[in-house]
């Protein structure tokens, strides 16, 4: 027999309305009948792309991230624009950031990077049969594109050089695709 663990919203207020993020403060009814406060961030969602080159290497980016104030090694990714189908987001972000277009796309799954304080979801895509057509970065976006084998990427994980959550989650899928021909 399963226990209902659902919390029910009694009151909800938006306490911050940012350019990207919306912060909410809710009062909820707990499964035992008590009440609690929940603060969380609403996020429009994002995509992450495992872009496989013909030689089996994957496209990565090195990009400065302001929150932790450091450069991260990560898969290409980007925010879903309002009303934009997730497949279009993936196509747009791969082209803008890496200058590649893919002949074959596959949606692999969804990950939730910050379940304790955000509703953000990241859709994981596989892009194959790549063709370089030239990058078109957004204004104010700076990054370096590189390619790594699965072994090199995993070595970067074990050395603590690759710590980005969306990339770590997508690497699980990449490992399956590369090792099992998924």
N, C-alpha and C. Protein backbone atom coordinates (compact mmCIF):
# COMPACT_ATOMS: atom_id res chain seq x y z
N UNK A 1 0.85 -1.18 0.00
CA UNK A 1 0.00 0.00 0.00
C UNK A 1 0.89 1.24 0.00
N UNK A 2 0.62 2.17 -0.90
CA UNK A 2 1.42 3.38 -1.05
C UNK A 2 0.81 4.54 -0.27
N UNK A 3 1.67 5.29 0.39
CA UNK A 3 1.24 6.47 1.13
C UNK A 3 1.20 7.65 0.18
N UNK A 4 0.16 8.48 0.31
CA UNK A 4 0.09 9.70 -0.50
C UNK A 4 1.03 10.74 0.10
N UNK A 5 2.08 11.07 -0.63
CA UNK A 5 3.09 12.01 -0.16
C UNK A 5 2.88 13.43 -0.71
N UNK A 6 1.78 13.62 -1.43
CA UNK A 6 1.52 14.89 -2.09
C UNK A 6 1.28 16.02 -1.09
N UNK A 7 1.88 17.17 -1.37
CA UNK A 7 1.63 18.39 -0.62
C UNK A 7 0.67 19.24 -1.45
N UNK A 8 -0.35 19.80 -0.81
CA UNK A 8 -1.38 20.57 -1.51
C UNK A 8 -1.23 22.06 -1.22
N UNK A 9 -1.23 22.86 -2.28
CA UNK A 9 -1.04 24.31 -2.16
C UNK A 9 -2.26 24.96 -1.53
N UNK A 10 -2.03 25.73 -0.48
CA UNK A 10 -3.07 26.50 0.17
C UNK A 10 -3.02 27.96 -0.25
N UNK A 11 -1.81 28.46 -0.46
CA UNK A 11 -1.61 29.86 -0.86
C UNK A 11 -0.32 29.93 -1.66
N UNK A 12 -0.31 30.76 -2.69
CA UNK A 12 0.88 30.91 -3.54
C UNK A 12 1.09 32.37 -3.87
N UNK A 13 2.33 32.85 -3.67
CA UNK A 13 2.67 34.23 -4.00
C UNK A 13 3.98 34.26 -4.76
N UNK A 14 4.02 35.05 -5.83
CA UNK A 14 5.29 35.29 -6.51
C UNK A 14 5.98 36.41 -5.76
N UNK A 15 7.22 36.17 -5.31
CA UNK A 15 7.93 37.17 -4.51
C UNK A 15 9.07 37.83 -5.28
N UNK A 16 9.37 37.31 -6.48
CA UNK A 16 10.39 37.93 -7.33
C UNK A 16 10.10 37.58 -8.77
N UNK A 17 10.16 38.57 -9.65
CA UNK A 17 9.91 38.37 -11.08
C UNK A 17 11.14 38.84 -11.86
N UNK A 18 12.05 37.92 -12.15
CA UNK A 18 13.28 38.26 -12.85
C UNK A 18 13.18 38.06 -14.34
N UNK A 19 14.26 38.35 -15.02
CA UNK A 19 14.32 38.18 -16.47
C UNK A 19 14.17 36.69 -16.83
N UNK A 20 14.85 35.83 -16.11
CA UNK A 20 14.80 34.38 -16.37
C UNK A 20 13.99 33.64 -15.31
N UNK A 21 14.18 33.99 -14.05
CA UNK A 21 13.62 33.22 -12.95
C UNK A 21 12.48 33.94 -12.24
N UNK A 22 11.53 33.16 -11.79
CA UNK A 22 10.39 33.66 -11.00
C UNK A 22 10.42 32.92 -9.67
N UNK A 23 10.49 33.64 -8.57
CA UNK A 23 10.56 33.01 -7.25
C UNK A 23 9.19 33.07 -6.59
N UNK A 24 8.75 31.93 -6.06
CA UNK A 24 7.45 31.80 -5.41
C UNK A 24 7.61 31.36 -3.96
N UNK A 25 6.62 31.75 -3.16
CA UNK A 25 6.54 31.32 -1.76
C UNK A 25 5.12 30.80 -1.54
N UNK A 26 5.02 29.50 -1.26
CA UNK A 26 3.72 28.87 -1.09
C UNK A 26 3.55 28.35 0.33
N UNK A 27 2.32 28.33 0.77
CA UNK A 27 1.94 27.61 1.99
C UNK A 27 1.27 26.33 1.52
N UNK A 28 1.68 25.20 2.10
CA UNK A 28 1.15 23.91 1.66
C UNK A 28 0.59 23.12 2.83
N UNK A 29 -0.34 22.23 2.50
CA UNK A 29 -0.86 21.26 3.46
C UNK A 29 -0.03 19.99 3.28
N UNK A 30 0.57 19.52 4.36
CA UNK A 30 1.41 18.33 4.35
C UNK A 30 0.56 17.06 4.40
N UNK A 31 1.13 15.93 4.04
CA UNK A 31 0.38 14.67 4.07
C UNK A 31 -0.21 14.34 5.45
N UNK A 32 0.41 14.82 6.54
CA UNK A 32 -0.11 14.54 7.89
C UNK A 32 -1.11 15.60 8.36
N UNK A 33 -1.46 16.57 7.48
CA UNK A 33 -2.43 17.60 7.81
C UNK A 33 -1.81 18.90 8.28
N UNK A 34 -0.52 18.90 8.59
CA UNK A 34 0.16 20.12 9.02
C UNK A 34 0.38 21.07 7.85
N UNK A 35 0.93 22.23 8.16
CA UNK A 35 1.23 23.22 7.13
C UNK A 35 2.72 23.53 7.13
N UNK A 36 3.22 23.94 5.96
CA UNK A 36 4.62 24.33 5.81
C UNK A 36 4.74 25.37 4.71
N UNK A 37 5.89 26.05 4.68
CA UNK A 37 6.17 27.03 3.64
C UNK A 37 7.16 26.41 2.67
N UNK A 38 6.93 26.61 1.38
CA UNK A 38 7.82 26.13 0.32
C UNK A 38 8.22 27.32 -0.55
N UNK A 39 9.52 27.53 -0.71
CA UNK A 39 10.04 28.55 -1.62
C UNK A 39 10.67 27.82 -2.79
N UNK A 40 10.37 28.30 -4.00
CA UNK A 40 10.90 27.62 -5.18
C UNK A 40 10.99 28.58 -6.35
N UNK A 41 11.79 28.16 -7.31
CA UNK A 41 12.02 28.95 -8.52
C UNK A 41 11.31 28.30 -9.69
N UNK A 42 10.57 29.11 -10.42
CA UNK A 42 9.98 28.65 -11.69
C UNK A 42 11.00 28.96 -12.79
N UNK A 43 11.24 27.98 -13.64
CA UNK A 43 12.22 28.10 -14.73
C UNK A 43 11.55 27.64 -16.01
N UNK A 44 11.83 28.28 -17.15
CA UNK A 44 11.15 27.91 -18.40
C UNK A 44 11.57 26.56 -18.97
N UNK A 45 12.60 25.94 -18.43
CA UNK A 45 13.09 24.67 -18.96
C UNK A 45 14.23 24.89 -19.93
N UNK A 46 14.94 23.81 -20.21
CA UNK A 46 16.11 23.90 -21.07
C UNK A 46 16.31 22.58 -21.80
N UNK A 47 17.27 22.59 -22.71
CA UNK A 47 17.68 21.37 -23.41
C UNK A 47 19.19 21.21 -23.23
N UNK A 48 19.64 19.97 -23.32
CA UNK A 48 21.06 19.66 -23.39
C UNK A 48 21.24 18.70 -24.55
N UNK A 49 22.34 18.87 -25.28
CA UNK A 49 22.54 18.10 -26.51
C UNK A 49 23.83 17.30 -26.45
N UNK A 50 23.70 15.99 -26.68
CA UNK A 50 24.85 15.11 -26.90
C UNK A 50 25.05 15.11 -28.41
N UNK A 51 26.04 15.83 -28.87
CA UNK A 51 26.30 15.95 -30.31
C UNK A 51 27.48 15.05 -30.66
N UNK A 52 27.18 13.98 -31.40
CA UNK A 52 28.20 12.98 -31.74
C UNK A 52 28.83 13.29 -33.09
N UNK A 53 30.14 13.45 -33.08
CA UNK A 53 30.89 13.65 -34.31
C UNK A 53 31.10 12.29 -35.00
N UNK A 54 31.42 12.28 -36.30
CA UNK A 54 31.61 11.02 -37.02
C UNK A 54 32.70 10.12 -36.41
N UNK A 55 33.69 10.72 -35.74
CA UNK A 55 34.77 9.91 -35.15
C UNK A 55 34.40 9.39 -33.75
N UNK A 56 33.16 9.65 -33.29
CA UNK A 56 32.71 9.15 -32.00
C UNK A 56 32.91 10.12 -30.85
N UNK A 57 33.67 11.19 -31.08
CA UNK A 57 33.82 12.19 -30.02
C UNK A 57 32.53 13.00 -29.90
N UNK A 58 32.38 13.65 -28.76
CA UNK A 58 31.22 14.47 -28.49
C UNK A 58 31.65 15.93 -28.39
N UNK A 59 30.75 16.81 -28.78
CA UNK A 59 31.03 18.25 -28.71
C UNK A 59 30.74 18.74 -27.30
N UNK A 60 31.70 19.46 -26.75
CA UNK A 60 31.58 20.10 -25.44
C UNK A 60 31.88 21.59 -25.59
N UNK A 61 31.53 22.33 -24.56
CA UNK A 61 31.83 23.75 -24.50
C UNK A 61 32.51 24.05 -23.17
N UNK A 62 33.37 25.05 -23.23
CA UNK A 62 33.92 25.63 -22.00
C UNK A 62 33.30 27.01 -21.91
N UNK A 63 32.62 27.25 -20.77
CA UNK A 63 31.88 28.51 -20.64
C UNK A 63 31.92 28.98 -19.19
N UNK A 64 32.09 30.28 -19.01
CA UNK A 64 32.06 30.88 -17.67
C UNK A 64 30.61 30.95 -17.21
N UNK A 65 30.37 30.50 -15.97
CA UNK A 65 29.05 30.57 -15.36
C UNK A 65 29.14 31.48 -14.15
N UNK A 66 28.30 32.52 -14.16
CA UNK A 66 28.43 33.58 -13.18
C UNK A 66 28.15 33.15 -11.74
N UNK A 67 27.11 32.34 -11.52
CA UNK A 67 26.75 31.95 -10.15
C UNK A 67 27.93 31.38 -9.38
N UNK A 68 28.54 30.29 -9.86
CA UNK A 68 29.71 29.74 -9.17
C UNK A 68 31.01 30.45 -9.52
N UNK A 69 30.95 31.37 -10.49
CA UNK A 69 32.09 32.20 -10.90
C UNK A 69 33.30 31.38 -11.32
N UNK A 70 33.04 30.48 -12.29
CA UNK A 70 34.13 29.70 -12.86
C UNK A 70 33.75 29.18 -14.24
N UNK A 71 34.74 28.70 -14.95
CA UNK A 71 34.54 28.11 -16.27
C UNK A 71 34.17 26.65 -16.08
N UNK A 72 33.14 26.21 -16.80
CA UNK A 72 32.69 24.82 -16.74
C UNK A 72 32.84 24.15 -18.10
N UNK A 73 33.11 22.86 -18.07
CA UNK A 73 33.08 22.00 -19.25
C UNK A 73 31.69 21.38 -19.28
N UNK A 74 30.97 21.60 -20.38
CA UNK A 74 29.59 21.13 -20.45
C UNK A 74 29.16 20.84 -21.87
N UNK A 75 28.09 20.06 -21.99
CA UNK A 75 27.48 19.83 -23.29
C UNK A 75 26.76 21.11 -23.72
N UNK A 76 26.57 21.30 -25.03
CA UNK A 76 25.77 22.44 -25.50
C UNK A 76 24.37 22.36 -24.88
N UNK A 77 23.84 23.52 -24.52
CA UNK A 77 22.54 23.55 -23.86
C UNK A 77 21.96 24.95 -23.98
N UNK A 78 20.68 25.06 -23.68
CA UNK A 78 20.07 26.38 -23.68
C UNK A 78 18.64 26.36 -23.22
N UNK A 79 18.14 27.54 -22.90
CA UNK A 79 16.79 27.76 -22.39
C UNK A 79 15.75 27.61 -23.48
N UNK A 80 14.63 27.02 -23.11
CA UNK A 80 13.49 26.90 -24.01
C UNK A 80 12.77 28.25 -24.02
N UNK A 81 12.61 28.81 -25.21
CA UNK A 81 11.87 30.07 -25.33
C UNK A 81 10.37 29.79 -25.22
N UNK A 82 9.61 30.76 -24.74
CA UNK A 82 8.15 30.62 -24.57
C UNK A 82 7.51 30.17 -25.88
N UNK A 83 6.75 29.09 -25.82
CA UNK A 83 6.02 28.58 -26.98
C UNK A 83 6.87 27.79 -27.97
N UNK A 84 8.16 27.65 -27.71
CA UNK A 84 9.06 26.96 -28.64
C UNK A 84 9.04 25.45 -28.38
N UNK A 85 8.82 24.64 -29.40
CA UNK A 85 8.92 23.19 -29.22
C UNK A 85 10.35 22.81 -28.80
N UNK A 86 10.48 21.84 -27.93
CA UNK A 86 11.80 21.49 -27.39
C UNK A 86 12.78 21.06 -28.48
N UNK A 87 12.28 20.41 -29.52
CA UNK A 87 13.16 20.00 -30.61
C UNK A 87 13.77 21.21 -31.31
N UNK A 88 12.97 22.26 -31.46
CA UNK A 88 13.46 23.49 -32.09
C UNK A 88 14.50 24.17 -31.21
N UNK A 89 14.31 24.11 -29.90
CA UNK A 89 15.30 24.67 -28.98
C UNK A 89 16.63 23.96 -29.17
N UNK A 90 16.60 22.63 -29.23
CA UNK A 90 17.83 21.85 -29.39
C UNK A 90 18.52 22.19 -30.71
N UNK A 91 17.76 22.25 -31.78
CA UNK A 91 18.32 22.58 -33.10
C UNK A 91 18.95 23.97 -33.07
N UNK A 92 18.22 24.93 -32.51
CA UNK A 92 18.69 26.32 -32.44
C UNK A 92 19.96 26.44 -31.60
N UNK A 93 19.96 25.82 -30.42
CA UNK A 93 21.11 25.95 -29.52
C UNK A 93 22.36 25.29 -30.09
N UNK A 94 22.23 24.11 -30.70
CA UNK A 94 23.40 23.45 -31.28
C UNK A 94 24.00 24.32 -32.38
N UNK A 95 23.16 24.88 -33.22
CA UNK A 95 23.62 25.73 -34.32
C UNK A 95 24.26 27.01 -33.80
N UNK A 96 23.58 27.71 -32.88
CA UNK A 96 24.09 28.97 -32.37
C UNK A 96 25.41 28.81 -31.64
N UNK A 97 25.49 27.81 -30.77
CA UNK A 97 26.65 27.69 -29.88
C UNK A 97 27.83 26.97 -30.51
N UNK A 98 27.57 25.96 -31.33
CA UNK A 98 28.68 25.14 -31.86
C UNK A 98 28.88 25.29 -33.35
N UNK A 99 27.90 25.86 -34.03
CA UNK A 99 27.99 25.98 -35.48
C UNK A 99 27.68 24.70 -36.22
N UNK A 100 27.05 23.73 -35.55
CA UNK A 100 26.72 22.46 -36.18
C UNK A 100 25.22 22.30 -36.37
N UNK A 101 24.89 21.61 -37.45
CA UNK A 101 23.53 21.15 -37.69
C UNK A 101 23.59 19.63 -37.74
N UNK A 102 22.49 18.99 -37.35
CA UNK A 102 22.45 17.52 -37.32
C UNK A 102 21.36 17.02 -38.25
N UNK A 103 21.66 15.93 -38.97
CA UNK A 103 20.67 15.31 -39.84
C UNK A 103 19.69 14.44 -39.05
N UNK A 104 20.14 13.91 -37.92
CA UNK A 104 19.29 13.02 -37.12
C UNK A 104 19.25 13.47 -35.66
N UNK A 105 18.03 13.58 -35.14
CA UNK A 105 17.79 14.00 -33.76
C UNK A 105 16.97 12.94 -33.05
N UNK A 106 17.27 12.76 -31.76
CA UNK A 106 16.48 11.84 -30.94
C UNK A 106 16.36 12.41 -29.53
N UNK A 107 15.13 12.44 -29.02
CA UNK A 107 14.90 12.85 -27.64
C UNK A 107 15.14 11.63 -26.76
N UNK A 108 16.07 11.75 -25.80
CA UNK A 108 16.44 10.60 -24.98
C UNK A 108 15.73 10.57 -23.64
N UNK A 109 15.46 11.70 -23.05
CA UNK A 109 14.83 11.71 -21.74
C UNK A 109 14.80 13.10 -21.14
N UNK A 110 14.39 13.16 -19.88
CA UNK A 110 14.26 14.41 -19.14
C UNK A 110 14.98 14.27 -17.81
N UNK A 111 15.64 15.33 -17.39
CA UNK A 111 16.24 15.34 -16.05
C UNK A 111 15.78 16.59 -15.31
N UNK A 112 15.77 16.50 -14.00
CA UNK A 112 15.38 17.62 -13.13
C UNK A 112 16.58 17.94 -12.24
N UNK A 113 17.31 19.02 -12.54
CA UNK A 113 18.59 19.26 -11.86
C UNK A 113 18.51 19.79 -10.43
N UNK A 114 17.40 20.41 -10.05
CA UNK A 114 17.36 21.10 -8.75
C UNK A 114 16.02 20.88 -8.07
N UNK A 115 15.64 19.64 -7.80
CA UNK A 115 14.29 19.33 -7.33
C UNK A 115 13.96 19.91 -5.96
N UNK A 116 14.95 20.28 -5.20
CA UNK A 116 14.69 20.84 -3.87
C UNK A 116 14.21 22.27 -3.89
N UNK A 117 14.46 23.00 -4.99
CA UNK A 117 14.07 24.42 -4.99
C UNK A 117 13.70 24.96 -6.37
N UNK A 118 13.50 24.10 -7.37
CA UNK A 118 13.16 24.60 -8.70
C UNK A 118 12.32 23.59 -9.46
N UNK A 119 11.47 24.10 -10.37
CA UNK A 119 10.70 23.21 -11.24
C UNK A 119 11.40 23.00 -12.59
N UNK A 120 12.66 23.43 -12.70
CA UNK A 120 13.39 23.30 -13.96
C UNK A 120 13.45 21.86 -14.43
N UNK A 121 13.25 21.69 -15.74
CA UNK A 121 13.46 20.40 -16.38
C UNK A 121 14.41 20.62 -17.54
N UNK A 122 15.23 19.62 -17.82
CA UNK A 122 16.14 19.71 -18.95
C UNK A 122 15.91 18.49 -19.83
N UNK A 123 15.58 18.76 -21.09
CA UNK A 123 15.31 17.71 -22.07
C UNK A 123 16.63 17.31 -22.72
N UNK A 124 16.92 16.01 -22.74
CA UNK A 124 18.18 15.49 -23.25
C UNK A 124 17.99 15.01 -24.69
N UNK A 125 18.82 15.54 -25.60
CA UNK A 125 18.75 15.18 -27.01
C UNK A 125 20.06 14.59 -27.49
N UNK A 126 19.95 13.70 -28.47
CA UNK A 126 21.09 13.15 -29.18
C UNK A 126 21.06 13.71 -30.59
N UNK A 127 22.18 14.25 -31.05
CA UNK A 127 22.30 14.79 -32.41
C UNK A 127 23.39 14.00 -33.13
N UNK A 128 23.06 13.47 -34.30
CA UNK A 128 24.02 12.68 -35.09
C UNK A 128 24.10 13.22 -36.51
N UNK A 129 25.11 12.74 -37.21
CA UNK A 129 25.35 13.15 -38.60
C UNK A 129 25.46 14.67 -38.68
N UNK A 130 26.48 15.16 -38.00
CA UNK A 130 26.68 16.60 -37.88
C UNK A 130 27.37 17.19 -39.10
N UNK A 131 27.03 18.44 -39.35
CA UNK A 131 27.66 19.22 -40.41
C UNK A 131 27.95 20.60 -39.84
N UNK A 132 29.20 21.05 -40.00
CA UNK A 132 29.58 22.37 -39.48
C UNK A 132 29.16 23.44 -40.47
N UNK A 133 28.39 24.42 -39.97
CA UNK A 133 27.90 25.50 -40.83
C UNK A 133 28.29 26.88 -40.29
N UNK A 134 28.91 26.94 -39.11
CA UNK A 134 29.34 28.21 -38.52
C UNK A 134 28.47 28.63 -37.36
N UNK A 135 29.10 29.06 -36.28
CA UNK A 135 28.39 29.45 -35.06
C UNK A 135 27.78 30.83 -35.19
N UNK A 136 26.79 31.09 -34.35
CA UNK A 136 26.11 32.37 -34.31
C UNK A 136 25.70 32.65 -32.86
N UNK A 137 26.69 32.94 -32.03
CA UNK A 137 26.46 33.11 -30.60
C UNK A 137 25.53 34.29 -30.32
N UNK A 138 24.76 34.16 -29.24
CA UNK A 138 23.92 35.26 -28.78
C UNK A 138 24.83 36.40 -28.33
N UNK A 139 24.31 37.63 -28.36
CA UNK A 139 25.07 38.77 -27.88
C UNK A 139 25.41 38.55 -26.40
N UNK A 140 26.64 38.78 -26.04
CA UNK A 140 27.07 38.60 -24.66
C UNK A 140 27.39 37.17 -24.28
N UNK A 141 27.38 36.26 -25.25
CA UNK A 141 27.68 34.85 -24.99
C UNK A 141 29.09 34.55 -25.49
N UNK A 142 29.90 33.98 -24.62
CA UNK A 142 31.28 33.65 -24.95
C UNK A 142 31.55 32.23 -24.52
N UNK A 143 32.06 31.43 -25.44
CA UNK A 143 32.38 30.05 -25.11
C UNK A 143 33.41 29.51 -26.07
N UNK A 144 33.99 28.39 -25.69
CA UNK A 144 34.99 27.70 -26.50
C UNK A 144 34.46 26.29 -26.76
N UNK A 145 34.43 25.89 -28.02
CA UNK A 145 33.94 24.57 -28.40
C UNK A 145 35.12 23.61 -28.48
N UNK A 146 34.92 22.41 -27.94
CA UNK A 146 35.95 21.37 -27.98
C UNK A 146 35.25 20.03 -28.18
N UNK A 147 36.03 19.00 -28.47
CA UNK A 147 35.47 17.65 -28.65
C UNK A 147 36.25 16.69 -27.77
N UNK A 148 35.51 15.77 -27.14
CA UNK A 148 36.11 14.77 -26.28
C UNK A 148 35.51 13.40 -26.55
N UNK A 149 36.34 12.39 -26.42
CA UNK A 149 35.83 11.02 -26.46
C UNK A 149 35.08 10.74 -25.16
N UNK A 150 34.32 9.66 -25.13
CA UNK A 150 33.64 9.28 -23.90
C UNK A 150 34.66 9.03 -22.79
N UNK A 151 35.76 8.33 -23.11
CA UNK A 151 36.79 8.06 -22.10
C UNK A 151 37.39 9.35 -21.55
N UNK A 152 37.67 10.31 -22.43
CA UNK A 152 38.25 11.58 -21.99
C UNK A 152 37.26 12.36 -21.13
N UNK A 153 35.98 12.32 -21.50
CA UNK A 153 34.96 13.02 -20.72
C UNK A 153 34.83 12.38 -19.34
N UNK A 154 34.82 11.06 -19.29
CA UNK A 154 34.70 10.37 -17.99
C UNK A 154 35.94 10.63 -17.13
N UNK A 155 37.11 10.69 -17.74
CA UNK A 155 38.33 11.01 -16.99
C UNK A 155 38.23 12.42 -16.39
N UNK A 156 37.62 13.36 -17.14
CA UNK A 156 37.42 14.71 -16.62
C UNK A 156 36.46 14.70 -15.43
N UNK A 157 35.47 13.81 -15.46
CA UNK A 157 34.56 13.66 -14.33
C UNK A 157 35.34 13.20 -13.10
N UNK A 158 36.13 12.13 -13.26
CA UNK A 158 36.85 11.54 -12.12
C UNK A 158 37.94 12.48 -11.58
N UNK A 159 38.43 13.38 -12.42
CA UNK A 159 39.41 14.37 -11.95
C UNK A 159 38.74 15.60 -11.32
N UNK A 160 37.42 15.64 -11.35
CA UNK A 160 36.70 16.78 -10.78
C UNK A 160 36.67 17.99 -11.69
N UNK A 161 36.99 17.81 -12.96
CA UNK A 161 37.00 18.92 -13.92
C UNK A 161 35.66 19.09 -14.62
N UNK A 162 34.82 18.08 -14.60
CA UNK A 162 33.50 18.14 -15.21
C UNK A 162 32.50 17.88 -14.09
N UNK A 163 31.84 18.95 -13.63
CA UNK A 163 30.94 18.84 -12.49
C UNK A 163 29.52 19.34 -12.77
N UNK A 164 29.26 19.80 -13.96
CA UNK A 164 27.95 20.33 -14.35
C UNK A 164 26.90 19.21 -14.32
N UNK A 165 25.82 19.43 -13.57
CA UNK A 165 24.80 18.39 -13.37
C UNK A 165 24.15 17.92 -14.66
N UNK A 166 23.77 18.84 -15.55
CA UNK A 166 23.08 18.42 -16.77
C UNK A 166 24.00 17.59 -17.65
N UNK A 167 25.29 17.95 -17.67
CA UNK A 167 26.26 17.21 -18.47
C UNK A 167 26.52 15.84 -17.85
N UNK A 168 26.61 15.77 -16.53
CA UNK A 168 26.79 14.49 -15.87
C UNK A 168 25.62 13.55 -16.17
N UNK A 169 24.40 14.07 -16.07
CA UNK A 169 23.22 13.25 -16.36
C UNK A 169 23.21 12.82 -17.83
N UNK A 170 23.52 13.73 -18.73
CA UNK A 170 23.53 13.40 -20.15
C UNK A 170 24.64 12.41 -20.49
N UNK A 171 25.74 12.45 -19.75
CA UNK A 171 26.83 11.48 -19.98
C UNK A 171 26.38 10.04 -19.73
N UNK A 172 25.44 9.85 -18.82
CA UNK A 172 24.89 8.51 -18.60
C UNK A 172 24.24 8.01 -19.89
N UNK A 173 23.47 8.91 -20.53
CA UNK A 173 22.85 8.56 -21.81
C UNK A 173 23.90 8.38 -22.90
N UNK A 174 24.90 9.25 -22.93
CA UNK A 174 25.96 9.15 -23.95
C UNK A 174 26.68 7.81 -23.83
N UNK A 175 26.93 7.39 -22.60
CA UNK A 175 27.61 6.11 -22.37
C UNK A 175 26.77 4.97 -22.95
N UNK A 176 25.47 5.03 -22.72
CA UNK A 176 24.60 3.99 -23.26
C UNK A 176 24.59 4.01 -24.79
N UNK A 177 24.46 5.19 -25.36
CA UNK A 177 24.43 5.32 -26.82
C UNK A 177 25.72 4.81 -27.45
N UNK A 178 26.84 5.22 -26.89
CA UNK A 178 28.15 4.86 -27.48
C UNK A 178 28.49 3.39 -27.24
N UNK A 179 28.27 2.91 -26.02
CA UNK A 179 28.66 1.54 -25.69
C UNK A 179 27.69 0.46 -26.16
N UNK A 180 26.41 0.81 -26.28
CA UNK A 180 25.41 -0.19 -26.63
C UNK A 180 24.76 0.05 -27.98
N UNK A 181 25.16 1.11 -28.66
CA UNK A 181 24.58 1.40 -29.96
C UNK A 181 23.09 1.67 -29.88
N UNK A 182 22.64 2.29 -28.81
CA UNK A 182 21.21 2.62 -28.57
C UNK A 182 20.61 3.37 -29.71
